[in-house]
């Protein structure tokens, strides 16, 4: 399965209030392949279980992605923003492992 979607990078941290720091996100479009596709339910003490995915995306990296590898926060996949929990560098590709839904700041706000 092919992938075309946006990746969110925290390229800047700004102080929005005294001692409150917020990441400013930048989204960029990347192309690649879906290596693994599935989902898991994590049942715990919650009324509604958390949904996590163990999906892996292989995206073709550009110089921006290589320079901001440690700033990568989320990937837009199947219409949702998912947290990037792991990155493997296999030049010229990045292998991204997705986890739970991203609840942090986004490029829109």
N, C-alpha and C. Protein backbone atom coordinates (compact mmCIF):
# COMPACT_ATOMS: atom_id res chain seq x y z
N UNK A 1 0.85 -1.17 0.00
CA UNK A 1 0.00 0.00 0.00
C UNK A 1 0.90 1.24 0.00
N UNK A 2 0.53 2.22 -0.79
CA UNK A 2 1.31 3.46 -0.88
C UNK A 2 0.87 4.45 0.20
N UNK A 3 1.78 5.35 0.56
CA UNK A 3 1.49 6.38 1.56
C UNK A 3 1.81 7.75 0.98
N UNK A 4 0.91 8.67 1.21
CA UNK A 4 1.13 10.09 0.93
C UNK A 4 0.46 10.85 2.06
N UNK A 5 1.23 11.55 2.84
CA UNK A 5 0.65 12.26 3.98
C UNK A 5 1.61 13.25 4.58
N UNK A 6 1.14 13.94 5.59
CA UNK A 6 1.93 14.97 6.24
C UNK A 6 2.59 14.42 7.50
N UNK A 7 3.80 14.91 7.74
CA UNK A 7 4.52 14.63 8.97
C UNK A 7 4.65 15.93 9.73
N UNK A 8 4.46 15.88 11.05
CA UNK A 8 4.54 17.07 11.88
C UNK A 8 5.85 17.13 12.63
N UNK A 9 6.55 18.26 12.49
CA UNK A 9 7.83 18.48 13.14
C UNK A 9 7.71 19.64 14.12
N UNK A 10 8.28 19.50 15.30
CA UNK A 10 8.34 20.58 16.29
C UNK A 10 9.65 21.32 16.05
N UNK A 11 9.60 22.30 15.16
CA UNK A 11 10.84 22.96 14.77
C UNK A 11 11.19 24.17 15.61
N UNK A 12 10.29 24.58 16.49
CA UNK A 12 10.55 25.76 17.31
C UNK A 12 9.77 25.65 18.62
N UNK A 13 10.37 26.07 19.71
CA UNK A 13 9.69 26.11 21.01
C UNK A 13 9.61 27.56 21.43
N UNK A 14 8.40 28.00 21.76
CA UNK A 14 8.21 29.40 22.17
C UNK A 14 7.54 29.45 23.53
N UNK A 15 7.85 30.51 24.27
CA UNK A 15 7.26 30.70 25.59
C UNK A 15 5.96 31.48 25.41
N UNK A 16 4.82 30.80 25.67
CA UNK A 16 3.51 31.41 25.47
C UNK A 16 3.01 32.13 26.71
N UNK A 17 3.52 31.79 27.86
CA UNK A 17 3.22 32.43 29.14
C UNK A 17 4.45 32.23 30.01
N UNK A 18 4.55 32.95 31.11
CA UNK A 18 5.72 32.73 31.97
C UNK A 18 5.86 31.26 32.38
N UNK A 19 6.98 30.68 32.05
CA UNK A 19 7.31 29.28 32.34
C UNK A 19 6.43 28.27 31.63
N UNK A 20 5.72 28.68 30.57
CA UNK A 20 4.92 27.76 29.77
C UNK A 20 5.49 27.78 28.35
N UNK A 21 5.99 26.64 27.91
CA UNK A 21 6.61 26.54 26.61
C UNK A 21 5.76 25.66 25.70
N UNK A 22 5.55 26.12 24.48
CA UNK A 22 4.73 25.41 23.51
C UNK A 22 5.55 25.17 22.24
N UNK A 23 5.40 23.95 21.69
CA UNK A 23 6.08 23.62 20.45
C UNK A 23 5.31 24.19 19.27
N UNK A 24 6.01 24.85 18.36
CA UNK A 24 5.41 25.33 17.12
C UNK A 24 5.65 24.26 16.07
N UNK A 25 4.57 23.75 15.49
CA UNK A 25 4.65 22.63 14.57
C UNK A 25 4.69 23.08 13.12
N UNK A 26 5.42 22.33 12.32
CA UNK A 26 5.47 22.52 10.88
C UNK A 26 5.11 21.19 10.24
N UNK A 27 4.19 21.21 9.27
CA UNK A 27 3.82 20.00 8.55
C UNK A 27 4.40 20.03 7.15
N UNK A 28 4.90 18.86 6.72
CA UNK A 28 5.44 18.72 5.37
C UNK A 28 4.91 17.42 4.79
N UNK A 29 4.70 17.39 3.50
CA UNK A 29 4.15 16.22 2.81
C UNK A 29 5.27 15.27 2.39
N UNK A 30 5.05 13.98 2.64
CA UNK A 30 6.02 12.94 2.28
C UNK A 30 5.31 11.78 1.59
N UNK A 31 6.07 11.04 0.80
CA UNK A 31 5.56 9.91 0.05
C UNK A 31 6.34 8.66 0.43
N UNK A 32 5.66 7.52 0.35
CA UNK A 32 6.35 6.27 0.65
C UNK A 32 5.41 5.09 0.61
N UNK A 33 5.66 4.12 1.48
CA UNK A 33 4.91 2.87 1.52
C UNK A 33 4.45 2.59 2.95
N UNK A 34 3.34 1.85 3.06
CA UNK A 34 2.88 1.34 4.35
C UNK A 34 3.45 -0.07 4.46
N UNK A 35 4.29 -0.30 5.47
CA UNK A 35 4.93 -1.60 5.64
C UNK A 35 4.08 -2.54 6.47
N UNK A 36 3.44 -2.02 7.51
CA UNK A 36 2.56 -2.81 8.37
C UNK A 36 1.30 -2.02 8.62
N UNK A 37 0.17 -2.74 8.68
CA UNK A 37 -1.12 -2.08 8.86
C UNK A 37 -1.96 -2.91 9.80
N UNK A 38 -2.42 -2.30 10.90
CA UNK A 38 -3.24 -3.01 11.88
C UNK A 38 -3.58 -2.10 13.05
N UNK A 39 -4.20 -2.65 14.08
CA UNK A 39 -4.52 -1.87 15.26
C UNK A 39 -4.53 -2.77 16.49
N UNK A 40 -4.46 -2.14 17.66
CA UNK A 40 -4.51 -2.85 18.93
C UNK A 40 -5.38 -2.06 19.88
N UNK A 41 -6.07 -2.75 20.77
CA UNK A 41 -6.84 -2.09 21.82
C UNK A 41 -6.10 -2.34 23.13
N UNK A 42 -5.84 -1.27 23.88
CA UNK A 42 -5.20 -1.40 25.18
C UNK A 42 -6.25 -1.22 26.25
N UNK A 43 -6.68 -2.33 26.82
CA UNK A 43 -7.70 -2.29 27.86
C UNK A 43 -7.01 -2.11 29.20
N UNK A 44 -7.51 -1.16 29.96
CA UNK A 44 -6.94 -0.88 31.28
C UNK A 44 -8.04 -0.48 32.23
N UNK A 45 -7.76 0.49 33.08
CA UNK A 45 -8.72 0.97 34.05
C UNK A 45 -9.64 2.04 33.48
N UNK A 46 -9.60 2.25 32.19
CA UNK A 46 -10.40 3.29 31.56
C UNK A 46 -11.73 2.74 31.07
N UNK A 47 -12.71 3.62 30.97
CA UNK A 47 -14.01 3.23 30.44
C UNK A 47 -13.88 2.92 28.95
N UNK A 48 -13.19 3.79 28.23
CA UNK A 48 -12.95 3.60 26.80
C UNK A 48 -11.48 3.23 26.60
N UNK A 49 -11.21 2.09 25.99
CA UNK A 49 -9.81 1.68 25.81
C UNK A 49 -9.09 2.58 24.81
N UNK A 50 -7.77 2.69 24.97
CA UNK A 50 -6.95 3.44 24.04
C UNK A 50 -6.70 2.60 22.79
N UNK A 51 -6.75 3.25 21.65
CA UNK A 51 -6.43 2.58 20.40
C UNK A 51 -5.00 2.94 20.03
N UNK A 52 -4.21 1.94 19.75
CA UNK A 52 -2.86 2.17 19.26
C UNK A 52 -2.70 1.37 17.97
N UNK A 53 -1.82 1.83 17.15
CA UNK A 53 -1.51 1.11 15.91
C UNK A 53 -0.03 0.76 15.94
N UNK A 54 0.30 -0.32 15.36
CA UNK A 54 1.70 -0.70 15.24
C UNK A 54 2.16 -0.53 13.81
N UNK A 55 1.50 0.37 13.10
CA UNK A 55 1.79 0.56 11.70
C UNK A 55 3.21 1.08 11.50
N UNK A 56 3.77 0.69 10.39
CA UNK A 56 5.08 1.21 10.00
C UNK A 56 4.96 1.84 8.63
N UNK A 57 5.51 3.04 8.52
CA UNK A 57 5.55 3.76 7.26
C UNK A 57 6.99 3.90 6.83
N UNK A 58 7.22 3.74 5.55
CA UNK A 58 8.54 3.97 4.97
C UNK A 58 8.41 5.19 4.07
N UNK A 59 9.04 6.29 4.47
CA UNK A 59 8.92 7.53 3.69
C UNK A 59 10.28 7.91 3.12
N UNK A 60 10.22 8.52 1.95
CA UNK A 60 11.43 9.00 1.30
C UNK A 60 11.84 10.31 1.95
N UNK A 61 12.99 10.32 2.58
CA UNK A 61 13.44 11.48 3.36
C UNK A 61 14.05 12.54 2.45
N UNK A 62 13.85 13.78 2.83
CA UNK A 62 14.51 14.91 2.16
C UNK A 62 15.50 15.52 3.16
N UNK A 63 16.28 16.51 2.76
CA UNK A 63 17.23 17.11 3.70
C UNK A 63 16.57 17.68 4.96
N UNK A 64 15.34 18.22 4.85
CA UNK A 64 14.65 18.75 6.04
C UNK A 64 14.37 17.63 7.03
N UNK A 65 13.88 16.50 6.55
CA UNK A 65 13.57 15.37 7.45
C UNK A 65 14.85 14.84 8.10
N UNK A 66 15.92 14.76 7.35
CA UNK A 66 17.18 14.30 7.93
C UNK A 66 17.71 15.26 8.99
N UNK A 67 17.56 16.56 8.76
CA UNK A 67 18.05 17.56 9.71
C UNK A 67 17.17 17.68 10.95
N UNK A 68 15.87 17.35 10.82
CA UNK A 68 14.92 17.50 11.92
C UNK A 68 14.38 16.15 12.39
N UNK A 69 15.19 15.14 12.30
CA UNK A 69 14.79 13.78 12.66
C UNK A 69 14.28 13.70 14.09
N UNK A 70 14.94 14.41 15.00
CA UNK A 70 14.57 14.32 16.41
C UNK A 70 13.40 15.24 16.75
N UNK A 71 12.95 16.03 15.80
CA UNK A 71 11.80 16.91 16.01
C UNK A 71 10.50 16.30 15.49
N UNK A 72 10.55 15.13 14.91
CA UNK A 72 9.38 14.48 14.33
C UNK A 72 8.44 14.03 15.44
N UNK A 73 7.18 14.49 15.40
CA UNK A 73 6.21 14.20 16.45
C UNK A 73 5.05 13.33 16.01
N UNK A 74 4.48 13.60 14.82
CA UNK A 74 3.30 12.84 14.40
C UNK A 74 3.28 12.67 12.88
N UNK A 75 2.44 11.70 12.47
CA UNK A 75 2.19 11.45 11.05
C UNK A 75 0.69 11.39 10.84
N UNK A 76 0.23 11.99 9.77
CA UNK A 76 -1.18 11.92 9.41
C UNK A 76 -1.36 10.64 8.59
N UNK A 77 -2.21 9.73 9.12
CA UNK A 77 -2.43 8.43 8.48
C UNK A 77 -3.89 8.06 8.63
N UNK A 78 -4.55 7.74 7.53
CA UNK A 78 -5.96 7.37 7.51
C UNK A 78 -6.84 8.46 8.13
N UNK A 79 -6.48 9.72 7.90
CA UNK A 79 -7.29 10.84 8.36
C UNK A 79 -7.07 11.26 9.81
N UNK A 80 -6.17 10.62 10.54
CA UNK A 80 -5.90 10.95 11.94
C UNK A 80 -4.41 11.26 12.11
N UNK A 81 -4.12 12.00 13.16
CA UNK A 81 -2.72 12.27 13.52
C UNK A 81 -2.29 11.23 14.55
N UNK A 82 -1.23 10.48 14.24
CA UNK A 82 -0.72 9.42 15.09
C UNK A 82 0.68 9.78 15.56
N UNK A 83 0.96 9.49 16.81
CA UNK A 83 2.26 9.76 17.40
C UNK A 83 3.31 8.85 16.77
N UNK A 84 4.44 9.44 16.41
CA UNK A 84 5.57 8.65 15.90
C UNK A 84 6.37 8.19 17.12
N UNK A 85 6.39 6.88 17.34
CA UNK A 85 7.06 6.34 18.53
C UNK A 85 8.46 5.83 18.23
N UNK A 86 8.78 5.65 16.97
CA UNK A 86 10.12 5.18 16.63
C UNK A 86 10.48 5.55 15.21
N UNK A 87 11.77 5.80 14.99
CA UNK A 87 12.28 6.13 13.65
C UNK A 87 13.56 5.34 13.42
N UNK A 88 13.61 4.63 12.30
CA UNK A 88 14.84 3.96 11.87
C UNK A 88 15.30 4.64 10.58
N UNK A 89 16.57 4.92 10.50
CA UNK A 89 17.12 5.54 9.30
C UNK A 89 17.70 4.45 8.42
N UNK A 90 17.12 4.32 7.23
CA UNK A 90 17.64 3.41 6.20
C UNK A 90 17.74 4.25 4.94
N UNK A 91 18.82 5.03 4.89
CA UNK A 91 18.98 6.04 3.85
C UNK A 91 18.71 5.46 2.47
N UNK A 92 17.92 6.09 1.65
CA UNK A 92 17.32 7.43 1.75
C UNK A 92 15.94 7.42 2.39
N UNK A 93 15.57 6.37 3.09
CA UNK A 93 14.24 6.28 3.68
C UNK A 93 14.29 6.37 5.20
N UNK A 94 13.14 6.77 5.76
CA UNK A 94 12.92 6.72 7.20
C UNK A 94 11.80 5.73 7.46
N UNK A 95 12.01 4.81 8.38
CA UNK A 95 10.99 3.84 8.76
C UNK A 95 10.36 4.35 10.06
N UNK A 96 9.09 4.75 9.99
CA UNK A 96 8.38 5.33 11.13
C UNK A 96 7.45 4.30 11.74
N UNK A 97 7.49 4.18 13.06
CA UNK A 97 6.56 3.34 13.79
C UNK A 97 5.56 4.24 14.49
N UNK A 98 4.27 3.97 14.28
CA UNK A 98 3.21 4.80 14.85
C UNK A 98 2.65 4.16 16.10
N UNK A 99 2.22 5.00 17.04
CA UNK A 99 1.65 4.52 18.30
C UNK A 99 0.21 4.98 18.44
N UNK A 100 -0.09 5.70 19.51
CA UNK A 100 -1.45 6.16 19.78
C UNK A 100 -1.76 7.47 19.08
N UNK A 101 -2.97 7.92 19.27
CA UNK A 101 -3.40 9.19 18.69
C UNK A 101 -2.59 10.34 19.25
N UNK A 102 -2.27 11.31 18.41
CA UNK A 102 -1.52 12.49 18.80
C UNK A 102 -2.48 13.51 19.42
N UNK A 103 -2.21 13.92 20.64
CA UNK A 103 -3.05 14.89 21.33
C UNK A 103 -2.33 16.20 21.59
N UNK A 104 -1.14 16.34 21.08
CA UNK A 104 -0.35 17.55 21.30
C UNK A 104 -0.73 18.65 20.31
N UNK A 105 0.11 19.65 20.27
CA UNK A 105 -0.15 20.77 19.36
C UNK A 105 0.05 20.34 17.92
N UNK A 106 -0.64 21.02 17.01
CA UNK A 106 -0.54 20.72 15.58
C UNK A 106 -0.22 22.00 14.84
N UNK A 107 0.02 21.88 13.57
CA UNK A 107 0.36 23.03 12.75
C UNK A 107 -0.82 23.99 12.61
N UNK A 108 -2.06 23.47 12.74
CA UNK A 108 -3.25 24.32 12.61
C UNK A 108 -3.48 25.16 13.87
N UNK A 109 -3.02 24.74 14.98
CA UNK A 109 -3.27 25.48 16.21
C UNK A 109 -2.71 24.76 17.32
